[in-house]
């Protein structure tokens, strides 16, 4: 990456941010649709989480455009508003998943299949790994906390994909219906953490998703 000019690296980072936005939109549409069709709560929650990630990704893309224009790494009013909306949406998703997962456990609900959860999780893990790899390379070369923060948020998406894969594969192998609800509860816990981090970032506080060391 060192052979590229700073302008080229910023354009590269901008392209990665745009890809993240459009990928999450597509992933959300497919995951929510298949989650409803297969009655799998973990996949549905994963899809809604992808839609929420789009709001955060738009804020990052806006920040990267400003960095290209004037080099400023601090957050402006638009980004802070996007982060507060993101945080609120994550909290609502957490509440919805906890309540629904609780009902599913009580009613011993079993999804129709978790095959699509396995497929979507594997695709997501592959793309997130590549995005993290290249965002870290660009962010390190430019010494940009904002781009490294974007890589950290992609890493959070990778963790969600791993949870989805574990719960979907577990149900596929064992037929234990509660694994889907347990997976949804783990996604709810990760969503709560992302919501808290979004509000911390909006306030300008340090957190795992905005620190290069994460």
Protein backbone atom coordinates (compact mmCIF):
# COMPACT_ATOMS: atom_id res chain seq x y z
CA UNK A 1 0.00 0.00 0.00
CA UNK A 2 2.96 2.34 0.52
CA UNK A 3 3.42 2.75 -3.24
CA UNK A 4 0.08 4.56 -3.54
CA UNK A 5 -0.34 8.31 -3.03
CA UNK A 6 -2.37 9.63 -0.11
CA UNK A 7 -5.13 10.69 -2.52
CA UNK A 8 -5.30 7.19 -4.01
CA UNK A 9 -5.42 5.61 -0.55
CA UNK A 10 -8.29 7.88 0.49
CA UNK A 11 -10.16 6.92 -2.69
CA UNK A 12 -9.52 3.27 -1.87
CA UNK A 13 -10.86 3.74 1.66
CA UNK A 14 -13.92 5.51 0.25
CA UNK A 15 -14.57 2.58 -2.12
CA UNK A 16 -14.30 0.11 0.79
CA UNK A 17 -16.80 2.16 2.81
CA UNK A 18 -19.28 2.25 -0.10
CA UNK A 19 -18.90 -1.50 -0.61
CA UNK A 20 -19.64 -2.00 3.11
CA UNK A 21 -22.86 0.02 2.77
CA UNK A 22 -24.18 -1.81 -0.29
CA UNK A 23 -23.09 -5.22 0.97
CA UNK A 24 -24.89 -4.71 4.29
CA UNK A 25 -28.03 -3.60 2.45
CA UNK A 26 -28.03 -6.76 0.31
CA UNK A 27 -27.13 -8.97 3.26
CA UNK A 28 -29.93 -7.45 5.32
CA UNK A 29 -32.55 -7.97 2.62
CA UNK A 30 -31.60 -11.62 2.04
CA UNK A 31 -31.20 -12.42 5.75
CA UNK A 32 -34.49 -10.87 6.86
CA UNK A 33 -36.37 -12.49 3.96
CA UNK A 34 -34.91 -15.95 4.57
CA UNK A 35 -35.23 -15.55 8.34
CA UNK A 36 -38.97 -14.91 7.99
CA UNK A 37 -39.41 -17.69 5.42
CA UNK A 38 -37.50 -20.29 7.49
CA UNK A 39 -38.78 -18.99 10.86
CA UNK A 40 -35.24 -18.66 12.20
CA UNK A 41 -34.91 -15.81 14.68
CA UNK A 42 -31.10 -15.72 14.66
CA UNK A 43 -30.99 -15.13 10.90
CA UNK A 44 -33.76 -12.52 11.08
CA UNK A 45 -31.95 -10.65 13.87
CA UNK A 46 -28.69 -10.85 11.93
CA UNK A 47 -30.44 -9.27 8.93
CA UNK A 48 -31.92 -6.41 10.95
CA UNK A 49 -28.49 -5.82 12.46
CA UNK A 50 -27.09 -5.49 8.92
CA UNK A 51 -29.62 -2.74 8.15
CA UNK A 52 -28.61 -0.86 11.31
CA UNK A 53 -24.94 -1.20 10.34
CA UNK A 54 -25.78 0.68 7.12
CA UNK A 55 -26.61 3.82 9.13
CA UNK A 56 -23.26 3.64 10.91
CA UNK A 57 -21.45 2.91 7.65
CA UNK A 58 -23.01 5.99 6.03
CA UNK A 59 -21.63 8.07 8.90
CA UNK A 60 -18.16 6.58 8.34
CA UNK A 61 -18.39 7.21 4.58
CA UNK A 62 -19.35 10.84 5.29
CA UNK A 63 -16.34 11.17 7.60
CA UNK A 64 -13.98 9.71 5.00
CA UNK A 65 -15.22 12.24 2.44
CA UNK A 66 -14.44 15.05 4.88
CA UNK A 67 -10.99 13.59 5.60
CA UNK A 68 -10.25 13.60 1.86
CA UNK A 69 -11.40 17.22 1.66
CA UNK A 70 -9.71 18.76 4.71
CA UNK A 71 -7.97 16.04 6.72
CA UNK A 72 -10.22 16.42 9.78
CA UNK A 73 -10.70 13.22 11.83
CA UNK A 74 -13.16 14.66 14.37
CA UNK A 75 -16.87 13.86 14.14
CA UNK A 76 -19.35 16.47 12.93
CA UNK A 77 -23.07 16.89 13.73
CA UNK A 78 -24.18 14.57 10.91
CA UNK A 79 -21.99 11.70 12.16
CA UNK A 80 -23.04 12.21 15.78
CA UNK A 81 -26.71 12.11 14.77
CA UNK A 82 -26.11 8.95 12.72
CA UNK A 83 -24.38 7.34 15.69
CA UNK A 84 -27.25 8.21 18.07
CA UNK A 85 -29.79 6.77 15.61
CA UNK A 86 -27.61 3.67 15.24
CA UNK A 87 -27.33 3.27 19.01
CA UNK A 88 -31.08 3.61 19.55
CA UNK A 89 -31.82 1.11 16.77
CA UNK A 90 -29.40 -1.41 18.29
CA UNK A 91 -31.10 -1.06 21.69
CA UNK A 92 -34.53 -1.63 20.11
CA UNK A 93 -33.21 -4.68 18.26
CA UNK A 94 -31.76 -6.01 21.52
CA UNK A 95 -35.10 -5.67 23.29
CA UNK A 96 -37.03 -7.26 20.42
CA UNK A 97 -34.64 -10.21 20.14
CA UNK A 98 -34.63 -10.88 23.89
CA UNK A 99 -38.43 -10.87 24.13
CA UNK A 100 -38.93 -12.99 20.99
CA UNK A 101 -36.16 -15.44 21.93
CA UNK A 102 -37.73 -15.82 25.37
CA UNK A 103 -41.11 -16.65 23.80
CA UNK A 104 -39.47 -19.09 21.38
CA UNK A 105 -37.72 -20.89 24.25
CA UNK A 106 -40.97 -21.04 26.24
CA UNK A 107 -42.94 -22.36 23.25
CA UNK A 108 -40.06 -24.67 22.19
CA UNK A 109 -40.21 -23.22 18.68
CA UNK A 110 -38.13 -24.94 15.98
CA UNK A 111 -37.11 -23.17 12.75
CA UNK A 112 -38.00 -24.76 9.42
CA UNK A 113 -34.32 -24.95 8.50
CA UNK A 114 -31.08 -23.09 9.28
CA UNK A 115 -29.36 -23.98 6.00
CA UNK A 116 -29.56 -20.41 4.73
CA UNK A 117 -28.15 -19.16 8.03
CA UNK A 118 -25.06 -21.31 7.44
CA UNK A 119 -24.69 -20.11 3.83
CA UNK A 120 -25.15 -16.41 4.65
CA UNK A 121 -22.80 -16.63 7.66
CA UNK A 122 -20.04 -18.22 5.57
CA UNK A 123 -20.40 -15.58 2.83
CA UNK A 124 -20.41 -12.79 5.42
CA UNK A 125 -17.33 -14.16 7.22
CA UNK A 126 -15.43 -14.24 3.91
CA UNK A 127 -16.34 -10.67 2.93
CA UNK A 128 -15.83 -9.25 6.44
CA UNK A 129 -12.37 -10.85 6.69
CA UNK A 130 -11.34 -9.25 3.40
CA UNK A 131 -12.79 -5.86 4.37
CA UNK A 132 -11.01 -5.91 7.73
CA UNK A 133 -7.71 -6.87 6.06
CA UNK A 134 -7.78 -4.03 3.52
CA UNK A 135 -9.25 -1.39 5.85
CA UNK A 136 -6.49 -2.07 8.38
CA UNK A 137 -3.82 -1.82 5.66
CA UNK A 138 -5.18 1.49 4.37
CA UNK A 139 -5.83 2.89 7.85
CA UNK A 140 -2.36 1.94 9.08
CA UNK A 141 -0.65 3.41 6.01
CA UNK A 142 -2.57 6.69 6.37
CA UNK A 143 -2.35 6.58 10.20
CA UNK A 144 -6.11 7.25 10.23
CA UNK A 145 -8.09 6.46 13.42
CA UNK A 146 -11.36 6.85 11.46
CA UNK A 147 -10.47 4.16 8.91
CA UNK A 148 -9.14 1.86 11.63
CA UNK A 149 -12.40 2.41 13.52
CA UNK A 150 -14.27 1.34 10.39
CA UNK A 151 -12.18 -1.84 10.33
CA UNK A 152 -13.04 -2.45 13.99
CA UNK A 153 -16.75 -2.16 13.19
CA UNK A 154 -16.33 -4.69 10.37
CA UNK A 155 -14.70 -6.94 12.97
CA UNK A 156 -17.86 -6.64 15.09
CA UNK A 157 -19.87 -7.79 12.05
CA UNK A 158 -17.51 -10.76 11.74
CA UNK A 159 -18.29 -11.74 15.33
CA UNK A 160 -22.02 -11.61 14.56
CA UNK A 161 -21.47 -13.85 11.54
CA UNK A 162 -19.61 -16.37 13.69
CA UNK A 163 -22.50 -16.45 16.18
CA UNK A 164 -24.98 -16.99 13.35
CA UNK A 165 -22.84 -19.78 11.92
CA UNK A 166 -22.49 -21.53 15.29
CA UNK A 167 -26.22 -21.44 16.10
CA UNK A 168 -27.31 -22.40 12.56
CA UNK A 169 -24.79 -25.22 12.25
CA UNK A 170 -25.57 -26.42 15.77
CA UNK A 171 -29.27 -26.74 14.95
CA UNK A 172 -28.49 -28.40 11.61
CA UNK A 173 -26.36 -31.05 13.33
CA UNK A 174 -28.39 -31.65 16.48
CA UNK A 175 -31.98 -30.59 15.71
CA UNK A 176 -32.14 -28.76 19.05
CA UNK A 177 -34.57 -25.89 18.35
CA UNK A 178 -33.45 -23.81 21.33
CA UNK A 179 -30.05 -23.23 19.67
CA UNK A 180 -31.70 -20.76 17.26
CA UNK A 181 -33.10 -18.75 20.17
CA UNK A 182 -29.79 -18.93 22.03
CA UNK A 183 -28.03 -17.63 18.91
CA UNK A 184 -30.54 -14.78 18.75
CA UNK A 185 -29.79 -13.93 22.41
CA UNK A 186 -26.06 -13.81 21.66
CA UNK A 187 -26.75 -11.52 18.69
CA UNK A 188 -28.87 -9.37 21.05
CA UNK A 189 -25.94 -9.13 23.47
CA UNK A 190 -23.56 -8.08 20.69
CA UNK A 191 -26.15 -5.59 19.41
CA UNK A 192 -26.42 -4.07 22.90
CA UNK A 193 -22.63 -3.65 23.00
CA UNK A 194 -22.68 -2.00 19.56
CA UNK A 195 -25.46 0.32 20.67
CA UNK A 196 -23.51 1.39 23.76
CA UNK A 197 -20.37 1.95 21.67
CA UNK A 198 -22.33 4.06 19.15
CA UNK A 199 -23.52 6.40 21.92
CA UNK A 200 -20.00 6.56 23.39
CA UNK A 201 -18.59 7.53 19.98
CA UNK A 202 -21.30 10.17 19.56
CA UNK A 203 -20.10 11.68 22.86
CA UNK A 204 -16.48 11.50 21.71
CA UNK A 205 -15.57 8.82 24.23
CA UNK A 206 -13.19 5.95 23.53
CA UNK A 207 -14.60 2.49 22.85
CA UNK A 208 -13.61 -0.76 21.21
CA UNK A 209 -15.15 0.12 17.87
CA UNK A 210 -13.36 3.45 17.62
CA UNK A 211 -9.93 2.56 18.90
CA UNK A 212 -7.17 1.47 16.52
CA UNK A 213 -5.90 -0.98 19.12
CA UNK A 214 -9.13 -2.97 18.87
